[in-house]
C-alpha atoms as a PDB file:
ATOM      1  CA  MET A   1       7.784 -55.277  25.525  1.00  0.00           C
ATOM      2  CA  SER A   2       8.915 -53.075  27.948  1.00  0.00           C
ATOM      3  CA  ASP A   3      10.356 -49.354  27.147  1.00  0.00           C
ATOM      4  CA  ARG A   4      13.523 -50.824  27.712  1.00  0.00           C
ATOM      5  CA  GLN A   5      12.929 -53.760  25.518  1.00  0.00           C
ATOM      6  CA  LEU A   6      11.618 -51.431  22.953  1.00  0.00           C
ATOM      7  CA  ASP A   7      14.520 -49.344  23.059  1.00  0.00           C
ATOM      8  CA  ASP A   8      17.013 -51.931  23.036  1.00  0.00           C
ATOM      9  CA  TYR A   9      14.807 -54.383  19.991  1.00  0.00           C
ATOM     10  CA  ILE A  10      14.615 -50.662  18.255  1.00  0.00           C
ATOM     11  CA  ALA A  11      18.644 -50.010  18.712  1.00  0.00           C
ATOM     12  CA  GLU A  12      19.345 -54.004  17.196  1.00  0.00           C
ATOM     13  CA  LEU A  13      16.861 -53.596  14.432  1.00  0.00           C
ATOM     14  CA  ARG A  14      18.807 -50.051  13.115  1.00  0.00           C
ATOM     15  CA  GLN A  15      21.739 -52.530  12.942  1.00  0.00           C
ATOM     16  CA  THR A  16      19.633 -54.879  11.113  1.00  0.00           C
ATOM     17  CA  LEU A  17      18.730 -52.476   8.491  1.00  0.00           C
ATOM     18  CA  ARG A  18      21.961 -50.689   7.709  1.00  0.00           C
ATOM     19  CA  ARG A  19      23.689 -53.703   7.828  1.00  0.00           C
ATOM     20  CA  ASP A  20      20.662 -55.391   5.227  1.00  0.00           C
ATOM     21  CA  GLY A  21      19.412 -52.456   4.013  1.00  0.00           C
ATOM     22  CA  LEU A  22      15.232 -52.411   3.082  1.00  0.00           C
ATOM     23  CA  THR A  23      14.815 -56.005   2.816  1.00  0.00           C
ATOM     24  CA  GLY A  24      11.021 -57.552   2.947  1.00  0.00           C
ATOM     25  CA  THR A  25      11.848 -58.932   6.427  1.00  0.00           C
ATOM     26  CA  GLY A  26      13.815 -55.505   7.768  1.00  0.00           C
ATOM     27  CA  VAL A  27      10.156 -53.768   6.832  1.00  0.00           C
ATOM     28  CA  VAL A  28       7.935 -56.033   7.951  1.00  0.00           C
ATOM     29  CA  HIS A  29       9.454 -55.604  11.189  1.00  0.00           C
ATOM     30  CA  SER A  30      10.408 -51.223  10.786  1.00  0.00           C
ATOM     31  CA  PHE A  31       6.383 -50.685   9.741  1.00  0.00           C
ATOM     32  CA  ALA A  32       5.222 -52.892  13.159  1.00  0.00           C
ATOM     33  CA  LEU A  33       7.838 -50.574  15.278  1.00  0.00           C
ATOM     34  CA  ILE A  34       7.058 -47.907  14.139  1.00  0.00           C
ATOM     35  CA  ARG A  35       3.524 -48.778  14.964  1.00  0.00           C
ATOM     36  CA  GLU A  36       3.942 -49.804  18.293  1.00  0.00           C
ATOM     37  CA  VAL A  37       6.067 -45.971  18.716  1.00  0.00           C
ATOM     38  CA  ALA A  38       3.189 -44.271  17.476  1.00  0.00           C
ATOM     39  CA  GLY A  39       1.198 -45.657  19.104  1.00  0.00           C
ATOM     40  CA  ARG A  40       3.184 -45.576  22.859  1.00  0.00           C
ATOM     41  CA  GLU A  41       3.857 -41.481  21.832  1.00  0.00           C
ATOM     42  CA  LEU A  42       1.201 -40.108  20.352  1.00  0.00           C
ATOM     43  CA  GLY A  43      -1.768 -42.639  21.507  1.00  0.00           C
ATOM     44  CA  MET A  44      -2.215 -42.984  17.271  1.00  0.00           C
ATOM     45  CA  TRP A  45      -1.311 -47.140  15.667  1.00  0.00           C
ATOM     46  CA  HIS A  46      -1.800 -46.908  12.315  1.00  0.00           C
ATOM     47  CA  PHE A  47      -4.380 -48.944  10.769  1.00  0.00           C
ATOM     48  CA  ASP A  48      -4.693 -50.905   7.353  1.00  0.00           C
ATOM     49  CA  VAL A  49      -4.442 -48.255   4.831  1.00  0.00           C
ATOM     50  CA  GLN A  50      -2.392 -46.446   6.496  1.00  0.00           C
ATOM     51  CA  LEU A  51       0.551 -49.471   6.620  1.00  0.00           C
ATOM     52  CA  LEU A  52      -0.830 -50.045   3.212  1.00  0.00           C
ATOM     53  CA  GLY A  53       0.064 -45.987   2.132  1.00  0.00           C
ATOM     54  CA  GLY A  54       3.795 -46.751   3.601  1.00  0.00           C
ATOM     55  CA  LEU A  55       4.317 -49.400   1.756  1.00  0.00           C
ATOM     56  CA  ALA A  56       3.558 -48.387  -1.196  1.00  0.00           C
ATOM     57  CA  ILE A  57       5.379 -45.121  -0.768  1.00  0.00           C
ATOM     58  CA  LEU A  58       8.527 -46.323   0.257  1.00  0.00           C
ATOM     59  CA  HIS A  59       8.345 -48.486  -2.661  1.00  0.00           C
ATOM     60  CA  GLY A  60       8.174 -45.104  -5.107  1.00  0.00           C
ATOM     61  CA  ASN A  61       4.649 -45.253  -6.180  1.00  0.00           C
ATOM     62  CA  ILE A  62       2.146 -42.963  -5.523  1.00  0.00           C
ATOM     63  CA  GLY A  63      -1.012 -43.247  -2.918  1.00  0.00           C
ATOM     64  CA  GLN A  64      -3.970 -41.471  -2.519  1.00  0.00           C
ATOM     65  CA  MET A  65      -5.199 -40.478   0.616  1.00  0.00           C
ATOM     66  CA  GLN A  66      -8.231 -37.941   1.405  1.00  0.00           C
ATOM     67  CA  THR A  67      -8.280 -35.170   3.637  1.00  0.00           C
ATOM     68  CA  GLY A  68      -8.315 -36.959   7.217  1.00  0.00           C
ATOM     69  CA  GLU A  69      -7.503 -39.666   6.682  1.00  0.00           C
ATOM     70  CA  GLY A  70      -3.701 -39.891   8.299  1.00  0.00           C
ATOM     71  CA  LYS A  71      -1.333 -39.102   5.601  1.00  0.00           C
ATOM     72  CA  THR A  72       1.092 -37.100   8.272  1.00  0.00           C
ATOM     73  CA  LEU A  73       0.962 -40.286  10.559  1.00  0.00           C
ATOM     74  CA  THR A  74       1.211 -42.390   7.503  1.00  0.00           C
ATOM     75  CA  ALA A  75       4.778 -40.628   6.073  1.00  0.00           C
ATOM     76  CA  THR A  76       6.196 -41.671   9.224  1.00  0.00           C
ATOM     77  CA  LEU A  77       6.306 -45.903   7.808  1.00  0.00           C
ATOM     78  CA  PRO A  78       8.627 -44.980   5.051  1.00  0.00           C
ATOM     79  CA  VAL A  79       9.948 -41.675   6.647  1.00  0.00           C
ATOM     80  CA  ALA A  80      11.822 -43.834   9.792  1.00  0.00           C
ATOM     81  CA  ALA A  81      11.833 -46.758   8.344  1.00  0.00           C
ATOM     82  CA  ALA A  82      14.353 -45.357   5.740  1.00  0.00           C
ATOM     83  CA  GLY A  83      16.235 -43.517   8.579  1.00  0.00           C
ATOM     84  CA  LEU A  84      16.299 -46.454  10.558  1.00  0.00           C
ATOM     85  CA  ALA A  85      18.491 -48.257   7.579  1.00  0.00           C
ATOM     86  CA  GLY A  86      20.147 -45.059   7.697  1.00  0.00           C
ATOM     87  CA  ILE A  87      18.952 -43.383   4.746  1.00  0.00           C
ATOM     88  CA  PRO A  88      18.872 -39.403   4.467  1.00  0.00           C
ATOM     89  CA  VAL A  89      15.000 -38.386   3.902  1.00  0.00           C
ATOM     90  CA  HIS A  90      13.520 -35.646   2.937  1.00  0.00           C
ATOM     91  CA  LEU A  91       9.638 -34.917   3.661  1.00  0.00           C
ATOM     92  CA  VAL A  92       8.635 -32.759   1.312  1.00  0.00           C
ATOM     93  CA  THR A  93       4.940 -30.220   1.782  1.00  0.00           C
ATOM     94  CA  VAL A  94       3.352 -27.214   0.147  1.00  0.00           C
ATOM     95  CA  ASN A  95       3.916 -24.984   2.618  1.00  0.00           C
ATOM     96  CA  ASP A  96       5.820 -24.003   5.791  1.00  0.00           C
ATOM     97  CA  TYR A  97       2.425 -24.382   7.608  1.00  0.00           C
ATOM     98  CA  LEU A  98       2.757 -27.896   7.209  1.00  0.00           C
ATOM     99  CA  THR A  99       6.105 -28.638   7.620  1.00  0.00           C
ATOM    100  CA  ALA A 100       6.088 -26.960  11.101  1.00  0.00           C
ATOM    101  CA  ARG A 101       3.611 -28.665  11.819  1.00  0.00           C
ATOM    102  CA  ASP A 102       4.031 -31.765  10.215  1.00  0.00           C
ATOM    103  CA  ALA A 103       7.336 -32.344  12.246  1.00  0.00           C
ATOM    104  CA  GLU A 104       6.395 -30.856  15.519  1.00  0.00           C
ATOM    105  CA  LEU A 105       3.066 -33.656  15.002  1.00  0.00           C
ATOM    106  CA  MET A 106       5.338 -36.548  14.927  1.00  0.00           C
ATOM    107  CA  THR A 107       9.222 -36.025  15.904  1.00  0.00           C
ATOM    108  CA  PRO A 108       8.192 -37.789  19.103  1.00  0.00           C
ATOM    109  CA  VAL A 109       8.393 -40.522  17.314  1.00  0.00           C
ATOM    110  CA  TYR A 110      10.909 -39.810  14.992  1.00  0.00           C
ATOM    111  CA  ALA A 111      13.121 -38.835  18.828  1.00  0.00           C
ATOM    112  CA  ARG A 112      11.441 -42.142  20.303  1.00  0.00           C
ATOM    113  CA  LEU A 113      13.306 -44.242  17.174  1.00  0.00           C
ATOM    114  CA  GLY A 114      16.596 -41.884  17.835  1.00  0.00           C
ATOM    115  CA  LEU A 115      16.124 -40.312  14.468  1.00  0.00           C
ATOM    116  CA  SER A 116      16.808 -36.029  14.501  1.00  0.00           C
ATOM    117  CA  VAL A 117      14.045 -33.794  12.896  1.00  0.00           C
ATOM    118  CA  GLY A 118      15.137 -30.841  10.658  1.00  0.00           C
ATOM    119  CA  VAL A 119      12.768 -28.049   9.774  1.00  0.00           C
ATOM    120  CA  ILE A 120      13.377 -26.023   6.685  1.00  0.00           C
ATOM    121  CA  VAL A 121      11.221 -22.815   6.002  1.00  0.00           C
ATOM    122  CA  GLN A 122      11.431 -19.521   4.789  1.00  0.00           C
ATOM    123  CA  GLY A 123      13.688 -17.304   6.464  1.00  0.00           C
ATOM    124  CA  LEU A 124      16.156 -19.418   7.749  1.00  0.00           C
ATOM    125  CA  SER A 125      20.203 -18.167   6.593  1.00  0.00           C
ATOM    126  CA  VAL A 126      22.731 -20.852   5.420  1.00  0.00           C
ATOM    127  CA  GLU A 127      24.148 -21.869   9.047  1.00  0.00           C
ATOM    128  CA  GLU A 128      20.747 -22.851  10.030  1.00  0.00           C
ATOM    129  CA  ARG A 129      19.717 -24.668   6.816  1.00  0.00           C
ATOM    130  CA  GLN A 130      22.957 -26.262   6.941  1.00  0.00           C
ATOM    131  CA  GLN A 131      22.356 -27.977  10.315  1.00  0.00           C
ATOM    132  CA  GLN A 132      18.846 -28.407   9.367  1.00  0.00           C
ATOM    133  CA  TYR A 133      19.693 -30.386   6.236  1.00  0.00           C
ATOM    134  CA  SER A 134      21.742 -32.428   8.735  1.00  0.00           C
ATOM    135  CA  CYS A 135      19.478 -34.278  10.673  1.00  0.00           C
ATOM    136  CA  ASP A 136      18.050 -37.940   9.404  1.00  0.00           C
ATOM    137  CA  VAL A 137      15.129 -36.982   8.276  1.00  0.00           C
ATOM    138  CA  VAL A 138      14.157 -33.356   7.019  1.00  0.00           C
ATOM    139  CA  TYR A 139      10.405 -31.459   6.866  1.00  0.00           C
ATOM    140  CA  CYS A 140      10.822 -29.025   3.948  1.00  0.00           C
ATOM    141  CA  THR A 141       8.616 -27.285   0.913  1.00  0.00           C
ATOM    142  CA  ASN A 142       8.781 -28.659  -2.064  1.00  0.00           C
ATOM    143  CA  ASN A 143      10.119 -24.387  -3.403  1.00  0.00           C
ATOM    144  CA  GLU A 144      12.704 -24.154  -0.584  1.00  0.00           C
ATOM    145  CA  LEU A 145      14.057 -27.254  -1.327  1.00  0.00           C
ATOM    146  CA  ALA A 146      14.337 -26.990  -4.833  1.00  0.00           C
ATOM    147  CA  PHE A 147      16.072 -23.323  -4.403  1.00  0.00           C
ATOM    148  CA  ASP A 148      18.189 -24.871  -2.245  1.00  0.00           C
ATOM    149  CA  TYR A 149      19.819 -27.483  -4.847  1.00  0.00           C
ATOM    150  CA  LEU A 150      19.493 -24.967  -7.186  1.00  0.00           C
ATOM    151  CA  LYS A 151      21.933 -22.845  -4.751  1.00  0.00           C
ATOM    152  CA  ASP A 152      24.043 -25.664  -4.397  1.00  0.00           C
ATOM    153  CA  SER A 153      24.535 -26.150  -8.355  1.00  0.00           C
ATOM    154  CA  ILE A 154      25.190 -23.197  -8.780  1.00  0.00           C
ATOM    155  CA  LEU A 155      28.166 -23.091  -6.529  1.00  0.00           C
ATOM    156  CA  LEU A 156      29.442 -26.465  -7.075  1.00  0.00           C
ATOM    157  CA  LYS A 157      29.338 -25.310 -11.139  1.00  0.00           C
ATOM    158  CA  GLY A 158      28.454 -28.443 -12.540  1.00  0.00           C
ATOM    159  CA  ARG A 159      31.158 -30.614 -10.059  1.00  0.00           C
ATOM    160  CA  ALA A 160      28.457 -32.339  -8.388  1.00  0.00           C
ATOM    161  CA  HIS A 161      29.754 -36.044  -9.609  1.00  0.00           C
ATOM    162  CA  PRO A 162      31.325 -37.545  -6.999  1.00  0.00           C
ATOM    163  CA  LEU A 163      34.574 -38.284  -9.419  1.00  0.00           C
ATOM    164  CA  HIS A 164      34.746 -34.549  -9.729  1.00  0.00           C
ATOM    165  CA  LEU A 165      34.926 -34.097  -6.173  1.00  0.00           C
ATOM    166  CA  HIS A 166      37.329 -36.383  -5.782  1.00  0.00           C
ATOM    167  CA  ALA A 167      39.332 -35.005  -8.485  1.00  0.00           C
ATOM    168  CA  LEU A 168      38.727 -31.611  -6.750  1.00  0.00           C
ATOM    169  CA  ARG A 169      40.125 -32.506  -3.693  1.00  0.00           C
ATOM    170  CA  LEU A 170      43.144 -33.669  -5.474  1.00  0.00           C
ATOM    171  CA  GLN A 171      44.061 -30.496  -7.245  1.00  0.00           C
ATOM    172  CA  PRO A 172      46.918 -28.327  -5.999  1.00  0.00           C
ATOM    173  CA  GLY A 173      45.916 -25.817  -3.583  1.00  0.00           C
ATOM    174  CA  TYR A 174      41.970 -26.961  -3.894  1.00  0.00           C
ATOM    175  CA  ARG A 175      41.413 -27.009   0.379  1.00  0.00           C
ATOM    176  CA  ALA A 176      42.428 -22.949  -0.276  1.00  0.00           C
ATOM    177  CA  ALA A 177      40.708 -21.640  -2.998  1.00  0.00           C
ATOM    178  CA  GLU A 178      37.713 -23.772  -2.842  1.00  0.00           C
ATOM    179  CA  GLN A 179      37.018 -24.551   0.269  1.00  0.00           C
ATOM    180  CA  ALA A 180      35.393 -20.815   1.528  1.00  0.00           C
ATOM    181  CA  SER A 181      31.943 -21.206  -1.380  1.00  0.00           C
ATOM    182  CA  LEU A 182      32.077 -24.637  -0.825  1.00  0.00           C
ATOM    183  CA  GLN A 183      31.798 -24.175   2.852  1.00  0.00           C
ATOM    184  CA  GLN A 184      28.000 -22.689   1.872  1.00  0.00           C
ATOM    185  CA  LEU A 185      26.711 -25.174   1.116  1.00  0.00           C
ATOM    186  CA  MET A 186      23.362 -26.312   2.051  1.00  0.00           C
ATOM    187  CA  LEU A 187      22.563 -29.795   1.591  1.00  0.00           C
ATOM    188  CA  ARG A 188      23.362 -32.865   2.476  1.00  0.00           C
ATOM    189  CA  GLY A 189      25.864 -34.698   0.249  1.00  0.00           C
ATOM    190  CA  CYS A 190      29.426 -36.420  -1.128  1.00  0.00           C
ATOM    191  CA  ILE A 191      31.030 -32.856  -1.410  1.00  0.00           C
ATOM    192  CA  LEU A 192      29.900 -32.222   2.820  1.00  0.00           C
ATOM    193  CA  ARG A 193      31.697 -35.449   4.081  1.00  0.00           C
ATOM    194  CA  TRP A 194      34.860 -34.733   3.398  1.00  0.00           C
END
């Protein structure tokens, strides 16, 4: 495929995945596409073991890979496939260095696929965190994600269920009384789509 044909195929597959979800055929086509894009953008094509690792992750399983076997590249398969299907994705690492490094290394793949990439590291303001969390793919550490989730839970005061949020919107005076504190929420969710 030419670059233009590839871009057309990306748009077509995105529509298919958003309509049909991550079906068997959709996953096969998305993995093949992501492999080709990684090859063109990074000069790295996924090996068979990486394709199998990506498939395991996509299906909710745990795969173990040794240092140097390409976990960073492997992760692009389930992450980008889900992102193309319209599913917000968080890729969780153990420290800020890996978070920033992996996001920077793999951004060309995601960008070619039309996916935005956010990076959550220590020291970001609430506004910066909200902006980063609104991206299609978010690289973050387990600590940052857990604490942001807890902070949002405190702001929501146990009203995180979609029915609670809908009821809040129906209350008289809700917008004036609650809107300011709820604007501080960081993670994407039902309440941020209002």
